[in-house]
């Protein structure tokens, strides 16, 4: 099941590891991405802390860690070709995988219905 943050990150938890990326809404708001900087594997991240950076033709933006843990893997494909994030933000455009410090962290995030209400209120 997907979970979402108010900062427009998504995550999917599988076996104690969360796959993290930015939402389709965030990718659309940013426009065409031209640069992605990912965290180092093995780096500890804090919930809500800066984890990655994206730059688009419009702006640069931080990508936050939706949960605390240790970076287990990064998606090098989006560094080589940032447009993957624009074309498939919640699939092949994932950013990194985090080994969870606490499985309960994800429970505090938004479900899909709550996230849709959040972005509807923003528009």
N, C-alpha and C. Protein backbone atom coordinates (compact mmCIF):
# COMPACT_ATOMS: atom_id res chain seq x y z
N UNK A 1 0.84 -1.18 0.00
CA UNK A 1 0.00 0.00 0.00
C UNK A 1 0.89 1.25 0.00
N UNK A 2 0.54 2.22 -0.81
CA UNK A 2 1.28 3.48 -0.88
C UNK A 2 0.88 4.39 0.27
N UNK A 3 1.85 5.12 0.79
CA UNK A 3 1.64 6.16 1.78
C UNK A 3 2.24 7.45 1.21
N UNK A 4 1.79 8.58 1.71
CA UNK A 4 2.21 9.87 1.17
C UNK A 4 2.54 10.86 2.29
N UNK A 5 3.38 11.87 1.96
CA UNK A 5 3.67 12.94 2.90
C UNK A 5 3.02 14.23 2.40
N UNK A 6 2.92 15.20 3.29
CA UNK A 6 2.41 16.51 2.89
C UNK A 6 3.40 17.24 1.99
N UNK A 7 4.65 16.76 1.96
CA UNK A 7 5.69 17.35 1.10
C UNK A 7 5.76 16.67 -0.26
N UNK A 8 4.80 15.80 -0.55
CA UNK A 8 4.64 15.16 -1.86
C UNK A 8 5.66 14.07 -2.18
N UNK A 9 6.08 13.34 -1.13
CA UNK A 9 6.82 12.11 -1.34
C UNK A 9 5.86 10.94 -1.16
N UNK A 10 6.17 9.83 -1.82
CA UNK A 10 5.39 8.60 -1.62
C UNK A 10 6.34 7.53 -1.12
N UNK A 11 5.79 6.54 -0.45
CA UNK A 11 6.59 5.39 -0.11
C UNK A 11 5.74 4.13 -0.08
N UNK A 12 6.41 3.03 -0.35
CA UNK A 12 5.77 1.72 -0.30
C UNK A 12 6.69 0.83 0.53
N UNK A 13 6.14 0.29 1.63
CA UNK A 13 6.93 -0.54 2.53
C UNK A 13 6.78 -2.01 2.16
N UNK A 14 7.93 -2.68 2.04
CA UNK A 14 7.95 -4.12 1.76
C UNK A 14 9.06 -4.74 2.60
N UNK A 15 8.69 -5.64 3.50
CA UNK A 15 9.68 -6.38 4.30
C UNK A 15 10.67 -5.49 5.03
N UNK A 16 10.17 -4.44 5.70
CA UNK A 16 11.04 -3.58 6.50
C UNK A 16 11.85 -2.56 5.73
N UNK A 17 11.63 -2.49 4.42
CA UNK A 17 12.32 -1.49 3.59
C UNK A 17 11.27 -0.69 2.84
N UNK A 18 11.47 0.62 2.76
CA UNK A 18 10.54 1.49 2.05
C UNK A 18 11.17 2.00 0.77
N UNK A 19 10.44 1.88 -0.33
CA UNK A 19 10.81 2.49 -1.60
C UNK A 19 10.22 3.90 -1.58
N UNK A 20 11.04 4.92 -1.89
CA UNK A 20 10.62 6.32 -1.77
C UNK A 20 10.80 7.05 -3.09
N UNK A 21 9.86 7.92 -3.41
CA UNK A 21 9.96 8.78 -4.58
C UNK A 21 9.10 10.01 -4.40
N UNK A 22 9.00 10.82 -5.45
CA UNK A 22 8.10 11.97 -5.40
C UNK A 22 6.82 11.61 -6.15
N UNK A 23 5.74 12.25 -5.75
CA UNK A 23 4.44 11.93 -6.34
C UNK A 23 4.32 12.49 -7.76
N UNK A 24 3.33 11.99 -8.47
CA UNK A 24 3.03 12.49 -9.81
C UNK A 24 2.70 13.98 -9.75
N UNK A 25 1.99 14.38 -8.69
CA UNK A 25 1.65 15.80 -8.51
C UNK A 25 2.92 16.64 -8.38
N UNK A 26 3.88 16.18 -7.59
CA UNK A 26 5.14 16.92 -7.41
C UNK A 26 5.91 17.00 -8.73
N UNK A 27 5.98 15.89 -9.44
CA UNK A 27 6.70 15.87 -10.72
C UNK A 27 6.06 16.85 -11.71
N UNK A 28 4.74 16.89 -11.71
CA UNK A 28 4.01 17.80 -12.60
C UNK A 28 4.28 19.26 -12.22
N UNK A 29 4.29 19.55 -10.92
CA UNK A 29 4.53 20.92 -10.45
C UNK A 29 5.95 21.38 -10.76
N UNK A 30 6.92 20.46 -10.65
CA UNK A 30 8.32 20.81 -10.91
C UNK A 30 8.60 21.03 -12.38
N UNK A 31 7.91 20.30 -13.24
CA UNK A 31 8.20 20.37 -14.66
C UNK A 31 9.32 19.40 -15.01
N UNK A 32 9.93 19.58 -16.17
CA UNK A 32 10.96 18.66 -16.65
C UNK A 32 12.20 18.69 -15.75
N UNK A 33 12.51 17.54 -15.16
CA UNK A 33 13.69 17.44 -14.31
C UNK A 33 14.95 17.38 -15.18
N UNK A 34 15.99 18.08 -14.72
CA UNK A 34 17.26 18.09 -15.44
C UNK A 34 18.42 17.55 -14.60
N UNK A 35 18.20 17.39 -13.28
CA UNK A 35 19.25 16.94 -12.38
C UNK A 35 18.65 16.29 -11.16
N UNK A 36 19.25 15.17 -10.73
CA UNK A 36 18.85 14.50 -9.49
C UNK A 36 20.11 14.15 -8.71
N UNK A 37 20.13 14.51 -7.44
CA UNK A 37 21.23 14.13 -6.54
C UNK A 37 20.64 13.22 -5.47
N UNK A 38 21.18 12.02 -5.36
CA UNK A 38 20.67 11.02 -4.42
C UNK A 38 21.60 10.88 -3.21
N UNK A 39 21.07 10.37 -2.10
CA UNK A 39 21.92 10.16 -0.92
C UNK A 39 22.86 8.97 -1.13
N UNK A 40 23.88 8.87 -0.30
CA UNK A 40 24.80 7.74 -0.37
C UNK A 40 24.19 6.53 0.32
N UNK A 41 24.42 5.35 -0.26
CA UNK A 41 24.00 4.11 0.39
C UNK A 41 24.73 4.02 1.73
N UNK A 42 24.00 3.64 2.76
CA UNK A 42 24.57 3.54 4.10
C UNK A 42 24.35 4.77 4.96
N UNK A 43 23.89 5.87 4.34
CA UNK A 43 23.63 7.11 5.08
C UNK A 43 22.38 6.94 5.93
N UNK A 44 22.43 7.41 7.18
CA UNK A 44 21.24 7.43 8.02
C UNK A 44 20.46 8.71 7.72
N UNK A 45 19.15 8.56 7.58
CA UNK A 45 18.28 9.72 7.34
C UNK A 45 17.28 9.84 8.47
N UNK A 46 16.94 11.07 8.80
CA UNK A 46 15.94 11.36 9.82
C UNK A 46 14.59 11.59 9.14
N UNK A 47 13.53 11.23 9.80
CA UNK A 47 12.19 11.50 9.27
C UNK A 47 12.04 13.00 9.06
N UNK A 48 11.70 13.40 7.84
CA UNK A 48 11.54 14.82 7.51
C UNK A 48 12.83 15.52 7.14
N UNK A 49 13.96 14.81 7.21
CA UNK A 49 15.25 15.41 6.88
C UNK A 49 15.52 15.37 5.38
N UNK A 50 16.41 16.24 4.92
CA UNK A 50 16.78 16.27 3.50
C UNK A 50 17.44 14.95 3.13
N UNK A 51 17.00 14.37 2.01
CA UNK A 51 17.57 13.11 1.57
C UNK A 51 18.10 13.19 0.14
N UNK A 52 17.48 14.00 -0.71
CA UNK A 52 17.88 14.12 -2.11
C UNK A 52 17.55 15.52 -2.60
N UNK A 53 18.05 15.83 -3.80
CA UNK A 53 17.79 17.13 -4.42
C UNK A 53 17.38 16.89 -5.87
N UNK A 54 16.38 17.63 -6.31
CA UNK A 54 16.00 17.60 -7.72
C UNK A 54 16.05 19.03 -8.26
N UNK A 55 16.44 19.14 -9.53
CA UNK A 55 16.39 20.43 -10.21
C UNK A 55 15.61 20.25 -11.49
N UNK A 56 14.74 21.22 -11.73
CA UNK A 56 13.96 21.20 -12.96
C UNK A 56 14.22 22.48 -13.72
N UNK A 57 13.56 22.61 -14.86
CA UNK A 57 13.69 23.85 -15.62
C UNK A 57 13.08 25.01 -14.84
N UNK A 58 12.22 24.71 -13.84
CA UNK A 58 11.56 25.76 -13.06
C UNK A 58 12.27 26.09 -11.75
N UNK A 59 12.76 25.05 -11.03
CA UNK A 59 13.28 25.28 -9.68
C UNK A 59 14.08 24.09 -9.18
N UNK A 60 14.78 24.32 -8.07
CA UNK A 60 15.44 23.23 -7.35
C UNK A 60 14.60 22.95 -6.11
N UNK A 61 14.59 21.70 -5.69
CA UNK A 61 13.76 21.33 -4.55
C UNK A 61 14.41 20.17 -3.80
N UNK A 62 14.22 20.18 -2.49
CA UNK A 62 14.69 19.06 -1.67
C UNK A 62 13.65 17.95 -1.68
N UNK A 63 14.13 16.74 -1.56
CA UNK A 63 13.27 15.57 -1.37
C UNK A 63 13.57 15.09 0.04
N UNK A 64 12.53 14.97 0.86
CA UNK A 64 12.69 14.64 2.26
C UNK A 64 12.48 13.15 2.50
N UNK A 65 13.11 12.65 3.55
CA UNK A 65 12.91 11.25 3.95
C UNK A 65 11.58 11.17 4.72
N UNK A 66 10.62 10.39 4.23
CA UNK A 66 9.34 10.30 4.93
C UNK A 66 9.41 9.49 6.21
N UNK A 67 10.51 8.75 6.38
CA UNK A 67 10.69 7.91 7.56
C UNK A 67 12.18 7.89 7.91
N UNK A 68 12.49 7.56 9.16
CA UNK A 68 13.88 7.44 9.58
C UNK A 68 14.40 6.06 9.23
N UNK A 69 15.70 6.02 8.91
CA UNK A 69 16.31 4.73 8.61
C UNK A 69 17.64 4.91 7.92
N UNK A 70 18.08 3.85 7.25
CA UNK A 70 19.36 3.84 6.56
C UNK A 70 19.14 3.59 5.07
N UNK A 71 19.79 4.40 4.24
CA UNK A 71 19.65 4.24 2.79
C UNK A 71 20.23 2.88 2.40
N UNK A 72 19.39 2.04 1.80
CA UNK A 72 19.79 0.69 1.41
C UNK A 72 20.15 0.59 -0.07
N UNK A 73 19.54 1.46 -0.88
CA UNK A 73 19.75 1.41 -2.33
C UNK A 73 19.31 2.74 -2.93
N UNK A 74 19.94 3.13 -4.03
CA UNK A 74 19.52 4.33 -4.76
C UNK A 74 19.28 3.95 -6.22
N UNK A 75 18.46 4.75 -6.89
CA UNK A 75 18.10 4.50 -8.28
C UNK A 75 19.01 5.30 -9.20
N UNK A 76 20.15 4.71 -9.57
CA UNK A 76 21.12 5.40 -10.43
C UNK A 76 20.54 5.77 -11.79
N UNK A 77 19.53 5.04 -12.24
CA UNK A 77 18.93 5.31 -13.56
C UNK A 77 18.39 6.73 -13.65
N UNK A 78 17.85 7.27 -12.53
CA UNK A 78 17.28 8.63 -12.59
C UNK A 78 18.36 9.70 -12.52
N UNK A 79 19.56 9.34 -12.07
CA UNK A 79 20.68 10.28 -12.11
C UNK A 79 21.13 10.43 -13.57
N UNK A 80 21.20 9.30 -14.26
CA UNK A 80 21.59 9.30 -15.67
C UNK A 80 20.52 9.93 -16.56
N UNK A 81 19.25 9.70 -16.23
CA UNK A 81 18.14 10.19 -17.04
C UNK A 81 16.99 10.67 -16.14
N UNK A 82 17.08 11.93 -15.65
CA UNK A 82 16.07 12.45 -14.74
C UNK A 82 14.65 12.45 -15.31
N UNK A 83 14.50 12.39 -16.64
CA UNK A 83 13.16 12.40 -17.24
C UNK A 83 12.35 11.17 -16.85
N UNK A 84 13.01 10.11 -16.37
CA UNK A 84 12.28 8.93 -15.91
C UNK A 84 11.32 9.31 -14.77
N UNK A 85 11.76 10.25 -13.92
CA UNK A 85 10.90 10.70 -12.81
C UNK A 85 9.64 11.35 -13.36
N UNK A 86 9.78 12.14 -14.42
CA UNK A 86 8.60 12.79 -15.01
C UNK A 86 7.67 11.80 -15.68
N UNK A 87 8.24 10.79 -16.34
CA UNK A 87 7.39 9.87 -17.09
C UNK A 87 6.78 8.77 -16.22
N UNK A 88 7.43 8.42 -15.11
CA UNK A 88 6.93 7.33 -14.25
C UNK A 88 7.31 7.59 -12.79
N UNK A 89 6.79 8.69 -12.19
CA UNK A 89 7.24 9.09 -10.86
C UNK A 89 6.95 8.07 -9.76
N UNK A 90 5.91 7.31 -9.90
CA UNK A 90 5.56 6.37 -8.84
C UNK A 90 5.83 4.92 -9.27
N UNK A 91 6.78 4.78 -10.21
CA UNK A 91 7.19 3.46 -10.68
C UNK A 91 8.70 3.46 -10.86
N UNK A 92 9.15 3.44 -12.12
CA UNK A 92 10.58 3.39 -12.44
C UNK A 92 11.33 4.63 -11.94
N UNK A 93 10.62 5.71 -11.63
CA UNK A 93 11.24 6.95 -11.17
C UNK A 93 11.45 7.03 -9.67
N UNK A 94 11.44 5.89 -8.98
CA UNK A 94 11.70 5.91 -7.53
C UNK A 94 13.10 6.47 -7.26
N UNK A 95 13.30 7.00 -6.06
CA UNK A 95 14.56 7.66 -5.72
C UNK A 95 15.51 6.76 -4.91
N UNK A 96 15.02 6.24 -3.78
CA UNK A 96 15.88 5.44 -2.91
C UNK A 96 15.05 4.48 -2.07
N UNK A 97 15.76 3.52 -1.49
CA UNK A 97 15.14 2.57 -0.58
C UNK A 97 15.76 2.77 0.80
N UNK A 98 14.89 2.77 1.82
CA UNK A 98 15.32 3.01 3.20
C UNK A 98 14.98 1.80 4.05
N UNK A 99 15.99 1.27 4.75
CA UNK A 99 15.75 0.23 5.76
C UNK A 99 15.17 0.95 6.97
N UNK A 100 13.94 0.61 7.34
CA UNK A 100 13.22 1.34 8.38
C UNK A 100 13.87 1.22 9.76
N UNK A 101 13.96 2.35 10.46
CA UNK A 101 14.39 2.33 11.85
C UNK A 101 13.23 1.87 12.73
N UNK A 102 12.00 2.27 12.35
CA UNK A 102 10.80 1.90 13.10
C UNK A 102 9.65 1.69 12.12
N UNK A 103 9.10 0.49 12.10
CA UNK A 103 8.01 0.18 11.17
C UNK A 103 6.79 1.08 11.39
N UNK A 104 6.61 1.59 12.59
CA UNK A 104 5.46 2.43 12.90
C UNK A 104 5.49 3.80 12.24
N UNK A 105 6.66 4.25 11.79
CA UNK A 105 6.77 5.57 11.15
C UNK A 105 5.81 5.72 9.97
N UNK A 106 5.69 4.67 9.17
CA UNK A 106 4.86 4.74 7.97
C UNK A 106 3.38 4.86 8.32
N UNK A 107 2.98 4.37 9.48
CA UNK A 107 1.57 4.43 9.89
C UNK A 107 1.07 5.86 10.06
N UNK A 108 1.99 6.79 10.33
CA UNK A 108 1.62 8.18 10.58
C UNK A 108 1.42 8.98 9.29
N UNK A 109 1.75 8.39 8.15
CA UNK A 109 1.66 9.11 6.88
C UNK A 109 0.26 9.04 6.29
N UNK A 110 0.03 9.84 5.25
CA UNK A 110 -1.28 9.92 4.61
C UNK A 110 -1.54 8.70 3.73
N UNK A 111 -2.80 8.25 3.71
CA UNK A 111 -3.18 7.24 2.73
C UNK A 111 -3.55 7.96 1.43
N UNK A 112 -3.86 7.21 0.40
CA UNK A 112 -4.09 7.82 -0.91
C UNK A 112 -5.28 8.79 -0.91
N UNK A 113 -6.36 8.45 -0.22
CA UNK A 113 -7.53 9.35 -0.17
C UNK A 113 -7.19 10.66 0.52
N UNK A 114 -6.47 10.59 1.64
CA UNK A 114 -6.09 11.80 2.37
C UNK A 114 -5.15 12.66 1.52
N UNK A 115 -4.24 12.02 0.77
CA UNK A 115 -3.32 12.77 -0.08
C UNK A 115 -4.08 13.47 -1.21
N UNK A 116 -5.03 12.76 -1.82
CA UNK A 116 -5.83 13.37 -2.90
C UNK A 116 -6.59 14.58 -2.38
N UNK A 117 -7.11 14.52 -1.16
CA UNK A 117 -7.80 15.67 -0.56
C UNK A 117 -6.83 16.82 -0.34
N UNK A 118 -5.61 16.50 0.08
CA UNK A 118 -4.59 17.53 0.31
C UNK A 118 -4.27 18.28 -0.99
N UNK A 119 -4.02 17.55 -2.07
CA UNK A 119 -3.68 18.25 -3.33
C UNK A 119 -4.88 18.95 -3.94
N UNK A 120 -6.08 18.44 -3.69
CA UNK A 120 -7.28 19.11 -4.18
C UNK A 120 -7.45 20.46 -3.45
N UNK A 121 -7.13 20.48 -2.18
CA UNK A 121 -7.24 21.71 -1.39
C UNK A 121 -6.20 22.74 -1.83
N UNK A 122 -5.05 22.26 -2.32
CA UNK A 122 -3.98 23.16 -2.78
C UNK A 122 -4.29 23.81 -4.12
N UNK A 123 -5.19 23.19 -4.94
CA UNK A 123 -5.41 23.72 -6.27
C UNK A 123 -6.50 24.75 -6.33
